[in-house]
C-alpha atoms as a PDB file:
ATOM      1  CA  MET A   1      78.013-101.856  14.460  1.00  0.00           C
ATOM      2  CA  LYS A   2      75.079-102.705  16.597  1.00  0.00           C
ATOM      3  CA  LYS A   3      74.221-101.471  20.132  1.00  0.00           C
ATOM      4  CA  ILE A   4      73.885-103.574  23.255  1.00  0.00           C
ATOM      5  CA  ILE A   5      72.927-102.893  26.777  1.00  0.00           C
ATOM      6  CA  SER A   6      74.529-105.067  29.458  1.00  0.00           C
ATOM      7  CA  SER A   7      73.469-105.150  33.170  1.00  0.00           C
ATOM      8  CA  VAL A   8      75.890-106.569  35.683  1.00  0.00           C
ATOM      9  CA  LEU A   9      74.794-107.216  39.314  1.00  0.00           C
ATOM     10  CA  GLY A  10      76.421-108.710  42.308  1.00  0.00           C
ATOM     11  CA  HIS A  11      78.475-108.187  45.413  1.00  0.00           C
ATOM     12  CA  ASP A  12      80.832-105.330  45.074  1.00  0.00           C
ATOM     13  CA  ARG A  13      84.566-106.140  44.738  1.00  0.00           C
ATOM     14  CA  PRO A  14      87.546-104.582  43.003  1.00  0.00           C
ATOM     15  CA  GLY A  15      87.948-105.236  39.255  1.00  0.00           C
ATOM     16  CA  ILE A  16      84.379-105.530  38.060  1.00  0.00           C
ATOM     17  CA  ILE A  17      84.671-102.668  35.593  1.00  0.00           C
ATOM     18  CA  ALA A  18      87.993-103.984  34.464  1.00  0.00           C
ATOM     19  CA  ALA A  19      86.649-107.469  33.793  1.00  0.00           C
ATOM     20  CA  VAL A  20      83.690-106.229  31.835  1.00  0.00           C
ATOM     21  CA  SER A  21      85.857-103.795  29.852  1.00  0.00           C
ATOM     22  CA  GLU A  22      88.366-106.469  29.082  1.00  0.00           C
ATOM     23  CA  VAL A  23      85.676-108.804  27.526  1.00  0.00           C
ATOM     24  CA  LEU A  24      84.102-105.859  25.574  1.00  0.00           C
ATOM     25  CA  PHE A  25      87.503-104.719  24.346  1.00  0.00           C
ATOM     26  CA  HIS A  26      88.619-108.244  23.230  1.00  0.00           C
ATOM     27  CA  SER A  27      85.319-108.769  21.429  1.00  0.00           C
ATOM     28  CA  GLY A  28      85.751-105.506  19.397  1.00  0.00           C
ATOM     29  CA  CYS A  29      83.211-103.578  21.192  1.00  0.00           C
ATOM     30  CA  ASN A  30      83.230 -99.891  22.125  1.00  0.00           C
ATOM     31  CA  ILE A  31      81.813 -98.781  25.446  1.00  0.00           C
ATOM     32  CA  GLU A  32      79.686 -95.679  24.756  1.00  0.00           C
ATOM     33  CA  ASP A  33      78.092 -95.108  28.218  1.00  0.00           C
ATOM     34  CA  VAL A  34      78.390 -96.607  31.760  1.00  0.00           C
ATOM     35  CA  SER A  35      76.136 -96.035  34.837  1.00  0.00           C
ATOM     36  CA  GLN A  36      77.245 -97.835  38.049  1.00  0.00           C
ATOM     37  CA  THR A  37      76.281 -97.647  41.669  1.00  0.00           C
ATOM     38  CA  ILE A  38      76.910 -99.409  45.033  1.00  0.00           C
ATOM     39  CA  LEU A  39      73.793-100.112  47.001  1.00  0.00           C
ATOM     40  CA  GLN A  40      75.163-101.097  50.568  1.00  0.00           C
ATOM     41  CA  THR A  41      77.440-103.996  49.502  1.00  0.00           C
ATOM     42  CA  GLU A  42      75.979-104.689  46.050  1.00  0.00           C
ATOM     43  CA  PHE A  43      77.198-103.480  42.618  1.00  0.00           C
ATOM     44  CA  ALA A  44      74.807-102.504  39.855  1.00  0.00           C
ATOM     45  CA  GLY A  45      76.217-101.421  36.501  1.00  0.00           C
ATOM     46  CA  VAL A  46      74.699-100.823  33.074  1.00  0.00           C
ATOM     47  CA  PHE A  47      76.919-100.663  29.975  1.00  0.00           C
ATOM     48  CA  ILE A  48      75.846 -99.377  26.537  1.00  0.00           C
ATOM     49  CA  ALA A  49      78.283-100.442  23.895  1.00  0.00           C
ATOM     50  CA  SER A  50      78.529-100.859  20.096  1.00  0.00           C
ATOM     51  CA  MET A  51      79.564-104.185  18.908  1.00  0.00           C
ATOM     52  CA  PRO A  52      80.523-105.645  15.524  1.00  0.00           C
ATOM     53  CA  SER A  53      77.637-106.742  13.402  1.00  0.00           C
ATOM     54  CA  SER A  54      79.402-110.016  12.667  1.00  0.00           C
ATOM     55  CA  LEU A  55      79.638-110.967  16.397  1.00  0.00           C
ATOM     56  CA  PRO A  56      76.442-112.888  17.536  1.00  0.00           C
ATOM     57  CA  THR A  57      74.917-111.350  20.655  1.00  0.00           C
ATOM     58  CA  ASP A  58      74.688-114.771  22.372  1.00  0.00           C
ATOM     59  CA  GLU A  59      78.447-115.231  21.807  1.00  0.00           C
ATOM     60  CA  LEU A  60      79.216-112.017  23.542  1.00  0.00           C
ATOM     61  CA  ALA A  61      76.815-112.950  26.345  1.00  0.00           C
ATOM     62  CA  GLY A  62      78.562-116.246  26.794  1.00  0.00           C
ATOM     63  CA  ARG A  63      81.992-114.448  26.902  1.00  0.00           C
ATOM     64  CA  LEU A  64      80.744-112.114  29.631  1.00  0.00           C
ATOM     65  CA  CYS A  65      79.240-114.923  31.578  1.00  0.00           C
ATOM     66  CA  ARG A  66      82.421-117.007  31.456  1.00  0.00           C
ATOM     67  CA  LYS A  67      84.387-113.998  32.749  1.00  0.00           C
ATOM     68  CA  LEU A  68      81.992-112.792  35.378  1.00  0.00           C
ATOM     69  CA  ASP A  69      80.365-116.078  36.756  1.00  0.00           C
ATOM     70  CA  PRO A  70      83.536-116.986  38.743  1.00  0.00           C
ATOM     71  CA  LEU A  71      83.345-113.511  40.372  1.00  0.00           C
ATOM     72  CA  GLY A  72      79.762-114.204  41.459  1.00  0.00           C
ATOM     73  CA  LEU A  73      78.250-111.649  39.104  1.00  0.00           C
ATOM     74  CA  SER A  74      75.094-111.887  37.095  1.00  0.00           C
ATOM     75  CA  VAL A  75      74.967-110.595  33.562  1.00  0.00           C
ATOM     76  CA  LEU A  76      71.936-109.636  31.405  1.00  0.00           C
ATOM     77  CA  LEU A  77      72.603-108.746  27.851  1.00  0.00           C
END
């Protein structure tokens, strides 16, 4: 397993943590730590997770973007 850090930023709304967690779970990742905050109406979250060594990082980034882009969220992996 290798470790990744993912930052998620955007307008706060219900379901952000659920959406990120769903993608990570279905990709075989394990969330090890999360820090999140709301700054006025904006959400900022940082996720540290371990992911399978066989999963390319750009593949996971693509999965996160496909899930979070429609919610108006930016992802940096």
